[in-house]
């Protein structure tokens, strides 16, 4: 591991300009190890999952040499040009509370321009608003959306950062209520400071009843291996057809993801199976990084749903996340609808039963790199994405 100069000075109190440079793998991993809240999408292994993108690891540093921020940047070449779309998924890992935001953004944009980027998309980590499960349950109704409900909590940092980005020309991606590449509304179950009894009592009555029902029916929850991914994918295709969505991922994609994430650290990606009478009825994937655990993708069969295999799996995964010492269990995206007649509402209703809360993230933000040619290419790129 490389030696790094570490000081006790708060970078927000220093007047020196932040500089940015490409980091070695050791430098990047060292910095991520100091940040329990970094998303798995900012870990180096994610670049290996996205095989159609080239990648770079960059870091901000003080004049002293201390690294104070980092980012995994993915570059996608625009067809027929030598220009790139630069994407920082759920990143960068930076001090977003620093009011001098230009100290961070200016060197980033200069660096990306030198790399040939014509536009940049990033996903700052601060939350924007939060709604407790009880508040949303009581607000369901025809035509209702999450944004119609008064938030339980508004994060002042997220609100301030959104204003700062807008004033500098950054535009929020997606529609009014939903995100684009990454979900804007996610569901999170807090784990820090809670016992397993607390988690159990946090489940609503229906969830507790279903977990007990699965146990009485003999549903077993086990961890799978790479060899079980074809069965997971078979169930995923059934789920997509039944629930009316399409992730657009191949079996090879999940196999590559499982291989490269676990090559980075054993147990980073896990596959859980619910088995009943010798048959796999449900399969869910989980990702572990830093102080967080994510439920990534779930799949289940059409038959024997009465034995509640998915509830059993989620309870097992919650317990395992707790045992790992995670601060929170992130169940990823939920729809913004609160209308029970909307087909997608069922996913939100199911996750609400775990007793967590819906978080509106700050979302993803885009900006073209300075220059008339880049602005023109950015408009062409937006049209290309719309057609695709």
Protein backbone atom coordinates (compact mmCIF):
# COMPACT_ATOMS: atom_id res chain seq x y z
CA UNK A 1 0.00 0.00 0.00
CA UNK A 2 1.36 3.39 -0.94
CA UNK A 3 2.42 5.87 1.71
CA UNK A 4 0.24 8.95 1.84
CA UNK A 5 0.66 12.16 3.78
CA UNK A 6 -2.26 12.55 6.17
CA UNK A 7 -2.92 15.79 8.02
CA UNK A 8 -5.58 16.83 10.52
CA UNK A 9 -6.43 20.04 8.67
CA UNK A 10 -9.97 20.45 7.37
CA UNK A 11 -9.71 21.15 3.61
CA UNK A 12 -12.60 23.61 3.92
CA UNK A 13 -10.35 25.78 6.09
CA UNK A 14 -7.44 25.82 3.65
CA UNK A 15 -7.06 28.51 0.99
CA UNK A 16 -4.88 26.47 -1.37
CA UNK A 17 -6.46 25.40 -4.64
CA UNK A 18 -7.38 21.76 -4.94
CA UNK A 19 -5.58 19.92 -7.72
CA UNK A 20 -6.69 16.78 -9.50
CA UNK A 21 -4.67 13.93 -10.97
CA UNK A 22 -4.95 10.31 -11.98
CA UNK A 23 -4.60 7.98 -8.99
CA UNK A 24 -2.93 4.61 -8.81
CA UNK A 25 -5.08 1.64 -7.82
CA UNK A 26 -3.51 1.60 -4.34
CA UNK A 27 -4.09 5.31 -3.79
CA UNK A 28 -7.70 5.01 -4.88
CA UNK A 29 -8.42 1.97 -2.72
CA UNK A 30 -6.74 3.62 0.25
CA UNK A 31 -9.01 6.64 -0.02
CA UNK A 32 -12.21 4.57 -0.42
CA UNK A 33 -11.26 2.64 2.70
CA UNK A 34 -11.61 5.91 4.64
CA UNK A 35 -15.15 6.52 3.34
CA UNK A 36 -17.75 4.03 4.53
CA UNK A 37 -20.48 5.83 2.58
CA UNK A 38 -18.96 5.42 -0.90
CA UNK A 39 -21.24 3.67 -3.41
CA UNK A 40 -20.22 0.35 -4.93
CA UNK A 41 -20.57 2.13 -8.29
CA UNK A 42 -17.46 4.13 -7.37
CA UNK A 43 -15.34 1.04 -6.65
CA UNK A 44 -12.73 0.07 -9.27
CA UNK A 45 -14.44 -3.26 -9.94
CA UNK A 46 -17.45 -1.46 -11.39
CA UNK A 47 -15.30 -0.24 -14.26
CA UNK A 48 -14.60 -3.87 -15.14
CA UNK A 49 -18.33 -4.58 -15.17
CA UNK A 50 -18.92 -1.78 -17.69
CA UNK A 51 -16.81 -3.34 -20.41
CA UNK A 52 -17.91 -0.92 -23.16
CA UNK A 53 -16.51 2.04 -21.26
CA UNK A 54 -12.91 2.96 -20.53
CA UNK A 55 -12.19 4.20 -17.04
CA UNK A 56 -9.92 6.38 -14.96
CA UNK A 57 -9.45 6.87 -11.23
CA UNK A 58 -8.84 10.49 -10.26
CA UNK A 59 -8.30 12.26 -6.97
CA UNK A 60 -8.34 15.78 -5.55
CA UNK A 61 -5.38 16.69 -3.37
CA UNK A 62 -4.18 19.61 -1.29
CA UNK A 63 -0.85 21.33 -1.86
CA UNK A 64 0.47 19.14 0.95
CA UNK A 65 -0.30 16.04 -1.14
CA UNK A 66 -3.15 14.79 1.02
CA UNK A 67 -5.93 13.18 -1.03
CA UNK A 68 -9.31 14.61 0.00
CA UNK A 69 -11.62 13.33 -2.75
CA UNK A 70 -11.75 10.71 -5.49
CA UNK A 71 -13.83 9.58 -8.43
CA UNK A 72 -14.19 6.66 -10.78
CA UNK A 73 -14.78 8.19 -14.21
CA UNK A 74 -16.26 6.10 -17.01
CA UNK A 75 -15.74 7.30 -20.59
CA UNK A 76 -18.07 6.30 -23.43
CA UNK A 77 -16.96 7.26 -26.95
CA UNK A 78 -19.51 9.01 -29.12
CA UNK A 79 -19.83 7.05 -32.39
CA UNK A 80 -17.76 8.45 -35.23
CA UNK A 81 -15.76 10.88 -33.08
CA UNK A 82 -12.80 10.97 -30.72
CA UNK A 83 -14.92 12.61 -28.05
CA UNK A 84 -16.23 11.01 -24.87
CA UNK A 85 -19.18 11.22 -22.54
CA UNK A 86 -17.75 11.23 -19.00
CA UNK A 87 -19.85 9.56 -16.32
CA UNK A 88 -19.25 9.48 -12.55
CA UNK A 89 -21.92 7.03 -11.26
CA UNK A 90 -23.02 7.97 -7.73
CA UNK A 91 -19.87 10.02 -7.44
CA UNK A 92 -17.52 11.68 -7.02
CA UNK A 93 -16.63 10.85 -3.43
CA UNK A 94 -16.05 14.41 -2.34
CA UNK A 95 -16.70 16.91 0.44
CA UNK A 96 -20.02 18.25 -0.83
CA UNK A 97 -20.42 20.32 2.35
CA UNK A 98 -17.60 22.60 1.18
CA UNK A 99 -19.36 25.85 0.15
CA UNK A 100 -16.46 26.59 -2.23
CA UNK A 101 -17.77 24.07 -4.75
CA UNK A 102 -15.76 25.58 -7.60
CA UNK A 103 -12.57 24.35 -5.92
CA UNK A 104 -13.83 20.85 -6.74
CA UNK A 105 -15.68 21.32 -10.01
CA UNK A 106 -13.24 23.57 -11.86
CA UNK A 107 -10.23 21.22 -11.72
CA UNK A 108 -12.51 18.28 -12.54
CA UNK A 109 -13.87 19.95 -15.67
CA UNK A 110 -10.40 21.02 -16.81
CA UNK A 111 -9.14 17.46 -16.39
CA UNK A 112 -12.07 15.89 -18.22
CA UNK A 113 -11.75 18.36 -21.08
CA UNK A 114 -8.11 17.33 -21.50
CA UNK A 115 -9.31 13.73 -21.64
CA UNK A 116 -11.56 14.56 -24.58
CA UNK A 117 -14.90 14.74 -22.76
CA UNK A 118 -17.65 16.72 -24.49
CA UNK A 119 -20.12 16.36 -21.59
CA UNK A 120 -20.12 15.21 -17.97
CA UNK A 121 -22.70 13.44 -15.85
CA UNK A 122 -22.27 12.91 -12.13
CA UNK A 123 -24.35 11.72 -9.19
CA UNK A 124 -23.53 13.66 -5.99
CA UNK A 125 -24.14 11.62 -2.85
CA UNK A 126 -26.16 13.97 -0.58
CA UNK A 127 -29.83 13.12 -0.11
CA UNK A 128 -32.52 15.64 -0.91
CA UNK A 129 -35.68 14.55 0.91
CA UNK A 130 -36.85 11.61 3.02
CA UNK A 131 -40.29 10.11 3.74
CA UNK A 132 -41.02 7.61 6.49
CA UNK A 133 -42.97 4.51 5.46
CA UNK A 134 -45.96 5.48 7.63
CA UNK A 135 -46.27 8.89 5.97
CA UNK A 136 -46.39 7.37 2.48
CA UNK A 137 -48.75 4.54 3.40
CA UNK A 138 -51.32 7.02 4.65
CA UNK A 139 -51.00 9.18 1.53
CA UNK A 140 -51.74 6.59 -1.17
CA UNK A 141 -54.54 7.39 -3.59
CA UNK A 142 -55.54 7.86 -7.24
CA UNK A 143 -53.03 9.99 -9.11
CA UNK A 144 -50.89 10.58 -6.03
CA UNK A 145 -47.10 10.74 -6.20
CA UNK A 146 -44.38 10.81 -3.58
CA UNK A 147 -43.65 14.47 -4.41
CA UNK A 148 -47.23 15.34 -3.38
CA UNK A 149 -46.48 14.34 0.22
CA UNK A 150 -44.78 16.65 2.69
CA UNK A 151 -41.33 15.17 3.33
CA UNK A 152 -40.51 13.86 6.79
CA UNK A 153 -37.09 15.47 6.46
CA UNK A 154 -35.38 17.80 3.99
CA UNK A 155 -31.59 17.61 3.86
CA UNK A 156 -30.28 21.21 3.88
CA UNK A 157 -27.01 20.11 2.28
CA UNK A 158 -28.79 18.47 -0.64
CA UNK A 159 -31.01 21.51 -1.18
CA UNK A 160 -28.04 23.90 -1.06
CA UNK A 161 -25.97 21.75 -3.40
CA UNK A 162 -28.81 21.57 -5.94
CA UNK A 163 -28.97 25.38 -5.99
CA UNK A 164 -25.19 25.65 -6.40
CA UNK A 165 -25.16 23.21 -9.32
CA UNK A 166 -28.07 24.94 -11.10
CA UNK A 167 -26.41 28.33 -10.78
CA UNK A 168 -23.35 26.90 -12.54
CA UNK A 169 -25.28 25.51 -15.49
CA UNK A 170 -25.67 21.90 -14.41
CA UNK A 171 -29.02 20.32 -15.30
CA UNK A 172 -30.76 17.58 -13.33
CA UNK A 173 -31.34 14.44 -15.40
CA UNK A 174 -34.65 12.66 -15.78
CA UNK A 175 -38.17 13.87 -15.34
CA UNK A 176 -39.83 15.73 -12.49
CA UNK A 177 -40.12 12.67 -10.24
CA UNK A 178 -37.85 9.98 -11.63
CA UNK A 179 -34.19 9.66 -12.45
CA UNK A 180 -32.37 8.46 -15.52
CA UNK A 181 -29.45 6.00 -15.41
CA UNK A 182 -29.75 5.61 -11.62
CA UNK A 183 -32.98 5.69 -9.62
CA UNK A 184 -33.84 9.01 -8.03
CA UNK A 185 -36.03 7.47 -5.33
CA UNK A 186 -34.48 4.65 -3.33
CA UNK A 187 -35.60 2.69 -0.30
CA UNK A 188 -33.28 2.36 2.69
CA UNK A 189 -33.53 0.48 5.96
CA UNK A 190 -31.29 1.93 8.71
CA UNK A 191 -29.23 -0.68 10.58
CA UNK A 192 -26.78 1.31 12.69
CA UNK A 193 -27.60 1.18 16.38
CA UNK A 194 -30.46 -1.31 15.88
CA UNK A 195 -30.70 -4.88 17.12
CA UNK A 196 -32.20 -7.78 15.20
CA UNK A 197 -35.24 -7.47 17.45
CA UNK A 198 -35.52 -3.83 16.37
CA UNK A 199 -35.39 -4.87 12.71
CA UNK A 200 -38.02 -7.55 13.26
CA UNK A 201 -40.38 -5.18 15.03
CA UNK A 202 -39.79 -2.66 12.21
CA UNK A 203 -41.40 -5.04 9.72
CA UNK A 204 -45.13 -4.55 9.34
CA UNK A 205 -47.53 -7.31 10.38
CA UNK A 206 -47.88 -8.65 6.85
CA UNK A 207 -44.12 -9.01 6.46
CA UNK A 208 -43.70 -10.77 9.81
CA UNK A 209 -46.59 -13.09 8.96
CA UNK A 210 -45.08 -13.90 5.57
CA UNK A 211 -41.61 -14.60 6.98
CA UNK A 212 -43.15 -16.95 9.55
CA UNK A 213 -45.26 -18.58 6.83
CA UNK A 214 -42.13 -19.26 4.76
CA UNK A 215 -40.44 -20.86 7.73
CA UNK A 216 -43.41 -23.09 8.53
CA UNK A 217 -43.65 -24.13 4.86
CA UNK A 218 -40.03 -25.28 4.93
CA UNK A 219 -38.50 -22.57 2.73
CA UNK A 220 -34.72 -22.62 3.11
CA UNK A 221 -32.52 -19.62 2.36
CA UNK A 222 -29.02 -20.43 1.15
CA UNK A 223 -26.14 -18.61 -0.49
CA UNK A 224 -25.49 -19.58 -4.07
CA UNK A 225 -22.41 -19.61 -6.29
CA UNK A 226 -21.55 -18.52 -9.80
CA UNK A 227 -22.95 -21.85 -10.95
CA UNK A 228 -26.41 -20.77 -9.77
CA UNK A 229 -26.50 -17.59 -11.88
CA UNK A 230 -28.24 -19.30 -14.85
CA UNK A 231 -31.10 -20.26 -12.51
CA UNK A 232 -31.22 -16.71 -11.16
CA UNK A 233 -31.39 -15.39 -14.71
CA UNK A 234 -34.16 -17.82 -15.67
CA UNK A 235 -36.23 -16.54 -12.75
CA UNK A 236 -35.39 -12.95 -13.66
CA UNK A 237 -36.82 -13.43 -17.16
CA UNK A 238 -40.02 -14.81 -15.58
CA UNK A 239 -40.19 -11.82 -13.23
CA UNK A 240 -39.68 -9.29 -16.01
CA UNK A 241 -42.46 -10.84 -18.05
CA UNK A 242 -44.85 -11.00 -15.09
CA UNK A 243 -44.19 -7.51 -13.73
CA UNK A 244 -43.87 -5.69 -17.04
CA UNK A 245 -40.32 -4.35 -16.94
CA UNK A 246 -37.12 -5.04 -18.82
CA UNK A 247 -33.66 -4.50 -17.35
CA UNK A 248 -31.95 -5.30 -20.62
CA UNK A 249 -29.17 -7.33 -18.99
CA UNK A 250 -27.83 -10.64 -20.26
CA UNK A 251 -26.75 -13.66 -18.24
CA UNK A 252 -23.17 -12.88 -19.30
CA UNK A 253 -23.53 -9.43 -17.71
CA UNK A 254 -24.40 -10.90 -14.29
CA UNK A 255 -21.69 -13.54 -14.62
CA UNK A 256 -19.10 -10.86 -15.35
CA UNK A 257 -20.41 -8.72 -12.49
CA UNK A 258 -20.22 -11.62 -10.04
CA UNK A 259 -16.69 -12.50 -11.16
CA UNK A 260 -15.11 -9.05 -11.09
CA UNK A 261 -16.77 -7.79 -7.90
CA UNK A 262 -15.72 -10.87 -5.97
CA UNK A 263 -12.24 -10.77 -7.48
CA UNK A 264 -11.87 -7.32 -5.92
CA UNK A 265 -13.03 -8.62 -2.54
CA UNK A 266 -14.47 -11.99 -1.68
CA UNK A 267 -18.15 -11.67 -0.79
CA UNK A 268 -18.61 -8.28 -2.43
CA UNK A 269 -21.45 -9.69 -4.56
CA UNK A 270 -23.61 -12.46 -3.12
CA UNK A 271 -26.39 -14.57 -4.54
CA UNK A 272 -29.17 -15.77 -2.23
CA UNK A 273 -31.58 -18.57 -3.09
CA UNK A 274 -34.93 -19.52 -1.55
CA UNK A 275 -35.40 -23.27 -1.91
CA UNK A 276 -38.67 -25.12 -1.33
CA UNK A 277 -39.08 -28.86 -1.81
CA UNK A 278 -35.81 -28.95 -3.72
CA UNK A 279 -36.75 -26.17 -6.16
CA UNK A 280 -35.35 -22.62 -6.29
CA UNK A 281 -38.38 -20.31 -6.09
CA UNK A 282 -36.58 -16.98 -5.69
CA UNK A 283 -33.08 -15.59 -6.13
CA UNK A 284 -31.76 -12.18 -5.06
CA UNK A 285 -28.36 -10.51 -5.43
CA UNK A 286 -26.66 -8.40 -2.76
CA UNK A 287 -23.60 -6.15 -2.89
CA UNK A 288 -21.38 -5.25 0.08
CA UNK A 289 -19.00 -2.28 0.05
CA UNK A 290 -17.69 -0.10 2.87
CA UNK A 291 -20.38 0.48 5.47
CA UNK A 292 -23.32 -0.22 3.19
CA UNK A 293 -25.18 -3.20 1.77
CA UNK A 294 -27.37 -3.08 -1.35
CA UNK A 295 -30.14 -5.39 -2.47
CA UNK A 296 -29.55 -5.19 -6.18
CA UNK A 297 -31.82 -7.49 -8.20
CA UNK A 298 -34.63 -9.87 -7.24
CA UNK A 299 -36.31 -12.65 -9.18
CA UNK A 300 -39.01 -15.19 -8.35
CA UNK A 301 -41.08 -17.94 -9.91
CA UNK A 302 -44.76 -17.63 -10.82
CA UNK A 303 -45.86 -20.67 -8.81
CA UNK A 304 -45.94 -21.47 -5.08
CA UNK A 305 -45.88 -17.79 -4.26
CA UNK A 306 -48.02 -18.56 -1.21
CA UNK A 307 -44.93 -19.88 0.64
CA UNK A 308 -43.44 -16.35 0.45
CA UNK A 309 -39.87 -17.12 -0.70
CA UNK A 310 -38.98 -13.47 -1.42
CA UNK A 311 -39.94 -12.33 2.08
CA UNK A 312 -37.80 -15.10 3.54
CA UNK A 313 -34.85 -14.06 1.38
CA UNK A 314 -35.09 -10.40 2.30
CA UNK A 315 -35.22 -11.17 6.01
CA UNK A 316 -32.14 -13.38 5.64
CA UNK A 317 -30.33 -10.64 3.72
CA UNK A 318 -31.29 -8.00 6.30
CA UNK A 319 -29.92 -10.24 9.06
CA UNK A 320 -26.69 -10.85 7.15
CA UNK A 321 -26.26 -7.13 6.47
CA UNK A 322 -26.72 -6.49 10.19
CA UNK A 323 -24.15 -9.16 11.04
CA UNK A 324 -21.68 -7.51 8.67
CA UNK A 325 -21.96 -4.28 10.67
CA UNK A 326 -23.50 -2.28 7.84
CA UNK A 327 -24.89 1.15 8.59
CA UNK A 328 -27.84 0.72 6.24
CA UNK A 329 -29.51 -1.72 3.88
CA UNK A 330 -30.27 -0.06 0.55
CA UNK A 331 -33.09 -1.71 -1.39
CA UNK A 332 -32.39 0.52 -4.41
CA UNK A 333 -35.01 2.05 -6.65
CA UNK A 334 -38.73 2.51 -6.08
CA UNK A 335 -41.32 4.15 -8.36
CA UNK A 336 -42.57 7.63 -7.52
CA UNK A 337 -46.24 6.65 -7.77
CA UNK A 338 -48.54 6.32 -4.76
CA UNK A 339 -51.49 5.23 -6.90
CA UNK A 340 -52.51 1.65 -5.97
CA UNK A 341 -53.89 1.17 -9.50
CA UNK A 342 -50.45 1.75 -11.06
CA UNK A 343 -48.76 -1.52 -11.84
CA UNK A 344 -45.42 -0.39 -10.44
CA UNK A 345 -46.89 0.60 -7.06
CA UNK A 346 -46.65 -3.00 -5.88
CA UNK A 347 -42.86 -2.76 -5.67
CA UNK A 348 -43.04 0.31 -3.43
CA UNK A 349 -45.74 -1.26 -1.28
CA UNK A 350 -43.60 -4.38 -0.81
CA UNK A 351 -40.54 -2.40 0.27
CA UNK A 352 -42.55 -0.12 2.57
CA UNK A 353 -43.35 -3.20 4.62
CA UNK A 354 -39.75 -3.41 5.83
CA UNK A 355 -40.25 -0.21 7.83
CA UNK A 356 -37.48 1.82 6.23
CA UNK A 357 -37.86 5.09 4.38
CA UNK A 358 -37.92 6.45 0.85
CA UNK A 359 -35.04 8.78 0.02
CA UNK A 360 -35.06 11.17 -2.90
CA UNK A 361 -31.42 11.40 -3.85
CA UNK A 362 -29.97 14.53 -5.33
CA UNK A 363 -30.03 12.62 -8.61
CA UNK A 364 -27.73 12.84 -11.58
CA UNK A 365 -26.60 16.10 -13.15
CA UNK A 366 -25.18 16.88 -16.59
CA UNK A 367 -23.31 19.71 -18.24
CA UNK A 368 -21.58 20.11 -21.61
CA UNK A 369 -17.87 20.89 -21.50
CA UNK A 370 -17.06 24.48 -22.50
CA UNK A 371 -16.81 25.09 -26.23
CA UNK A 372 -19.30 25.50 -29.09
CA UNK A 373 -18.32 22.19 -30.69
CA UNK A 374 -18.88 20.34 -27.41
CA UNK A 375 -22.29 21.96 -26.96
CA UNK A 376 -23.32 20.87 -30.44
CA UNK A 377 -22.05 17.34 -29.84
CA UNK A 378 -23.88 17.24 -26.52
CA UNK A 379 -27.18 18.08 -28.23
CA UNK A 380 -26.51 15.36 -30.80
CA UNK A 381 -25.70 12.93 -27.99
CA UNK A 382 -28.97 13.68 -26.22
CA UNK A 383 -30.85 12.97 -29.46
CA UNK A 384 -28.88 9.75 -29.87
CA UNK A 385 -29.82 8.59 -26.37
CA UNK A 386 -33.48 9.46 -26.97
CA UNK A 387 -33.55 7.32 -30.13
CA UNK A 388 -31.74 4.45 -28.42
